[in-house]
């Protein structure tokens, strides 16, 4: 039932889905950069 109702607003739901995926990708990238930066800083300070 929800899928049938969602087909009417397909472009909007598709855009929102793409936006969520972009936000998730950006958050994942930031987390990866922070983790790599922390590991590099720890190894650099350790030496």
PDB file of N, CA and C in Angstrom:
ATOM      1  N   UNK A   1       0.849  -1.203   0.000  1.00  0.00           N
ATOM      2  CA  UNK A   1       0.000   0.000   0.000  1.00  0.00           C
ATOM      3  C   UNK A   1       0.884   1.252   0.000  1.00  0.00           C
ATOM      4  N   UNK A   2       1.899   1.263   0.834  1.00  0.00           N
ATOM      5  CA  UNK A   2       2.769   2.440   0.898  1.00  0.00           C
ATOM      6  C   UNK A   2       3.514   2.615  -0.424  1.00  0.00           C
ATOM      7  N   UNK A   3       3.923   1.503  -1.042  1.00  0.00           N
ATOM      8  CA  UNK A   3       4.664   1.596  -2.298  1.00  0.00           C
ATOM      9  C   UNK A   3       3.776   2.179  -3.390  1.00  0.00           C
ATOM     10  N   UNK A   4       2.486   1.766  -3.408  1.00  0.00           N
ATOM     11  CA  UNK A   4       1.562   2.288  -4.410  1.00  0.00           C
ATOM     12  C   UNK A   4       1.361   3.787  -4.231  1.00  0.00           C
ATOM     13  N   UNK A   5       1.270   4.238  -2.970  1.00  0.00           N
ATOM     14  CA  UNK A   5       1.092   5.667  -2.718  1.00  0.00           C
ATOM     15  C   UNK A   5       2.385   6.418  -3.024  1.00  0.00           C
ATOM     16  N   UNK A   6       3.523   5.751  -2.850  1.00  0.00           N
ATOM     17  CA  UNK A   6       4.803   6.412  -3.089  1.00  0.00           C
ATOM     18  C   UNK A   6       5.090   6.608  -4.569  1.00  0.00           C
ATOM     19  N   UNK A   7       4.465   5.810  -5.426  1.00  0.00           N
ATOM     20  CA  UNK A   7       4.730   5.936  -6.860  1.00  0.00           C
ATOM     21  C   UNK A   7       4.275   7.298  -7.383  1.00  0.00           C
ATOM     22  N   UNK A   8       3.276   7.902  -6.747  1.00  0.00           N
ATOM     23  CA  UNK A   8       2.783   9.198  -7.222  1.00  0.00           C
ATOM     24  C   UNK A   8       3.873  10.252  -7.073  1.00  0.00           C
ATOM     25  N   UNK A   9       4.616  10.209  -5.959  1.00  0.00           N
ATOM     26  CA  UNK A   9       5.678  11.198  -5.721  1.00  0.00           C
ATOM     27  C   UNK A   9       7.042  10.553  -5.960  1.00  0.00           C
ATOM     28  N   UNK A  10       7.161   9.846  -7.077  1.00  0.00           N
ATOM     29  CA  UNK A  10       8.409   9.115  -7.334  1.00  0.00           C
ATOM     30  C   UNK A  10       9.608  10.056  -7.467  1.00  0.00           C
ATOM     31  N   UNK A  11       9.531  11.147  -8.250  1.00  0.00           N
ATOM     32  CA  UNK A  11      10.703  12.031  -8.395  1.00  0.00           C
ATOM     33  C   UNK A  11      11.140  12.607  -7.050  1.00  0.00           C
ATOM     34  N   UNK A  12      10.164  13.029  -6.237  1.00  0.00           N
ATOM     35  CA  UNK A  12      10.526  13.649  -4.955  1.00  0.00           C
ATOM     36  C   UNK A  12      11.187  12.622  -4.038  1.00  0.00           C
ATOM     37  N   UNK A  13      10.608  11.412  -3.974  1.00  0.00           N
ATOM     38  CA  UNK A  13      11.186  10.375  -3.115  1.00  0.00           C
ATOM     39  C   UNK A  13      12.565   9.977  -3.641  1.00  0.00           C
ATOM     40  N   UNK A  14      12.722   9.955  -4.970  1.00  0.00           N
ATOM     41  CA  UNK A  14      14.014   9.590  -5.544  1.00  0.00           C
ATOM     42  C   UNK A  14      15.054  10.649  -5.183  1.00  0.00           C
ATOM     43  N   UNK A  15      14.680  11.930  -5.305  1.00  0.00           N
ATOM     44  CA  UNK A  15      15.608  13.001  -4.948  1.00  0.00           C
ATOM     45  C   UNK A  15      15.966  12.942  -3.477  1.00  0.00           C
ATOM     46  N   UNK A  16      14.976  12.674  -2.637  1.00  0.00           N
ATOM     47  CA  UNK A  16      15.251  12.594  -1.199  1.00  0.00           C
ATOM     48  C   UNK A  16      16.167  11.410  -0.909  1.00  0.00           C
ATOM     49  N   UNK A  17      15.938  10.294  -1.614  1.00  0.00           N
ATOM     50  CA  UNK A  17      16.779   9.109  -1.408  1.00  0.00           C
ATOM     51  C   UNK A  17      18.216   9.410  -1.833  1.00  0.00           C
ATOM     52  N   UNK A  18      18.377  10.103  -2.956  1.00  0.00           N
ATOM     53  CA  UNK A  18      19.719  10.455  -3.417  1.00  0.00           C
ATOM     54  C   UNK A  18      20.374  11.405  -2.422  1.00  0.00           C
ATOM     55  N   UNK A  19      19.600  12.361  -1.890  1.00  0.00           N
ATOM     56  CA  UNK A  19      20.146  13.299  -0.911  1.00  0.00           C
ATOM     57  C   UNK A  19      20.614  12.566   0.332  1.00  0.00           C
ATOM     58  N   UNK A  20      19.824  11.597   0.791  1.00  0.00           N
ATOM     59  CA  UNK A  20      20.214  10.833   1.977  1.00  0.00           C
ATOM     60  C   UNK A  20      21.494  10.050   1.701  1.00  0.00           C
ATOM     61  N   UNK A  21      21.603   9.476   0.506  1.00  0.00           N
ATOM     62  CA  UNK A  21      22.800   8.700   0.181  1.00  0.00           C
ATOM     63  C   UNK A  21      24.015   9.620   0.117  1.00  0.00           C
ATOM     64  N   UNK A  22      23.821  10.831  -0.425  1.00  0.00           N
ATOM     65  CA  UNK A  22      24.939  11.788  -0.501  1.00  0.00           C
ATOM     66  C   UNK A  22      25.368  12.190   0.904  1.00  0.00           C
ATOM     67  N   UNK A  23      24.392  12.473   1.770  1.00  0.00           N
ATOM     68  CA  UNK A  23      24.715  12.865   3.148  1.00  0.00           C
ATOM     69  C   UNK A  23      25.441  11.723   3.855  1.00  0.00           C
ATOM     70  N   UNK A  24      24.962  10.494   3.648  1.00  0.00           N
ATOM     71  CA  UNK A  24      25.602   9.342   4.287  1.00  0.00           C
ATOM     72  C   UNK A  24      27.034   9.181   3.774  1.00  0.00           C
ATOM     73  N   UNK A  25      27.231   9.380   2.470  1.00  0.00           N
ATOM     74  CA  UNK A  25      28.574   9.242   1.900  1.00  0.00           C
ATOM     75  C   UNK A  25      29.497  10.316   2.466  1.00  0.00           C
ATOM     76  N   UNK A  26      28.990  11.550   2.581  1.00  0.00           N
ATOM     77  CA  UNK A  26      29.813  12.643   3.123  1.00  0.00           C
ATOM     78  C   UNK A  26      30.178  12.347   4.575  1.00  0.00           C
ATOM     79  N   UNK A  27      29.202  11.883   5.353  1.00  0.00           N
ATOM     80  CA  UNK A  27      29.476  11.567   6.766  1.00  0.00           C
ATOM     81  C   UNK A  27      30.508  10.448   6.861  1.00  0.00           C
ATOM     82  N   UNK A  28      30.361   9.424   6.014  1.00  0.00           N
ATOM     83  CA  UNK A  28      31.315   8.311   6.040  1.00  0.00           C
ATOM     84  C   UNK A  28      32.712   8.800   5.663  1.00  0.00           C
ATOM     85  N   UNK A  29      32.777   9.669   4.655  1.00  0.00           N
ATOM     86  CA  UNK A  29      34.076  10.211   4.239  1.00  0.00           C
ATOM     87  C   UNK A  29      34.719  11.020   5.356  1.00  0.00           C
ATOM     88  N   UNK A  30      33.919  11.850   6.031  1.00  0.00           N
ATOM     89  CA  UNK A  30      34.461  12.659   7.127  1.00  0.00           C
ATOM     90  C   UNK A  30      34.960  11.759   8.254  1.00  0.00           C
ATOM     91  N   UNK A  31      34.196  10.710   8.565  1.00  0.00           N
ATOM     92  CA  UNK A  31      34.615   9.787   9.624  1.00  0.00           C
ATOM     93  C   UNK A  31      35.927   9.111   9.238  1.00  0.00           C
ATOM     94  N   UNK A  32      36.046   8.698   7.971  1.00  0.00           N
ATOM     95  CA  UNK A  32      37.270   8.037   7.514  1.00  0.00           C
ATOM     96  C   UNK A  32      38.451   9.004   7.601  1.00  0.00           C
ATOM     97  N   UNK A  33      38.244  10.255   7.184  1.00  0.00           N
ATOM     98  CA  UNK A  33      39.327  11.252   7.234  1.00  0.00           C
ATOM     99  C   UNK A  33      39.745  11.494   8.681  1.00  0.00           C
ATOM    100  N   UNK A  34      38.764  11.593   9.579  1.00  0.00           N
ATOM    101  CA  UNK A  34      39.087  11.824  10.994  1.00  0.00           C
ATOM    102  C   UNK A  34      39.874  10.642  11.556  1.00  0.00           C
ATOM    103  N   UNK A  35      39.435   9.416  11.235  1.00  0.00           N
ATOM    104  CA  UNK A  35      40.136   8.225  11.743  1.00  0.00           C
ATOM    105  C   UNK A  35      41.559   8.178  11.207  1.00  0.00           C
ATOM    106  N   UNK A  36      41.735   8.427   9.906  1.00  0.00           N
ATOM    107  CA  UNK A  36      43.074   8.386   9.311  1.00  0.00           C
ATOM    108  C   UNK A  36      43.939   9.488   9.921  1.00  0.00           C
ATOM    109  N   UNK A  37      43.357  10.675  10.102  1.00  0.00           N
ATOM    110  CA  UNK A  37      44.114  11.781  10.696  1.00  0.00           C
ATOM    111  C   UNK A  37      44.547  11.459  12.119  1.00  0.00           C
ATOM    112  N   UNK A  38      43.662  10.862  12.901  1.00  0.00           N
ATOM    113  CA  UNK A  38      44.010  10.506  14.282  1.00  0.00           C
ATOM    114  C   UNK A  38      45.111   9.451  14.295  1.00  0.00           C
ATOM    115  N   UNK A  39      44.989   8.429  13.427  1.00  0.00           N
ATOM    116  CA  UNK A  39      46.011   7.378  13.378  1.00  0.00           C
ATOM    117  C   UNK A  39      47.352   7.964  12.944  1.00  0.00           C
ATOM    118  N   UNK A  40      47.335   8.857  11.942  1.00  0.00           N
ATOM    119  CA  UNK A  40      48.584   9.467  11.473  1.00  0.00           C
ATOM    120  C   UNK A  40      49.195  10.323  12.574  1.00  0.00           C
ATOM    121  N   UNK A  41      48.356  11.090  13.284  1.00  0.00           N
ATOM    122  CA  UNK A  41      48.860  11.942  14.367  1.00  0.00           C
ATOM    123  C   UNK A  41      49.453  11.082  15.483  1.00  0.00           C
ATOM    124  N   UNK A  42      48.782   9.998  15.842  1.00  0.00           N
ATOM    125  CA  UNK A  42      49.286   9.124  16.911  1.00  0.00           C
ATOM    126  C   UNK A  42      50.623   8.508  16.506  1.00  0.00           C
ATOM    127  N   UNK A  43      50.727   8.033  15.272  1.00  0.00           N
ATOM    128  CA  UNK A  43      51.975   7.415  14.822  1.00  0.00           C
ATOM    129  C   UNK A  43      53.072   8.478  14.709  1.00  0.00           C
ATOM    130  N   UNK A  44      52.707   9.685  14.270  1.00  0.00           N
ATOM    131  CA  UNK A  44      53.695  10.756  14.126  1.00  0.00           C
ATOM    132  C   UNK A  44      54.201  11.192  15.504  1.00  0.00           C
ATOM    133  N   UNK A  45      53.280  11.340  16.460  1.00  0.00           N
ATOM    134  CA  UNK A  45      53.676  11.758  17.808  1.00  0.00           C
ATOM    135  C   UNK A  45      54.470  10.647  18.488  1.00  0.00           C
ATOM    136  N   UNK A  46      54.106   9.391  18.198  1.00  0.00           N
ATOM    137  CA  UNK A  46      54.815   8.261  18.805  1.00  0.00           C
ATOM    138  C   UNK A  46      56.277   8.249  18.395  1.00  0.00           C
ATOM    139  N   UNK A  47      56.563   8.580  17.131  1.00  0.00           N
ATOM    140  CA  UNK A  47      57.938   8.604  16.671  1.00  0.00           C
ATOM    141  C   UNK A  47      58.650   9.831  17.241  1.00  0.00           C
TER     142      UNK A  47
END
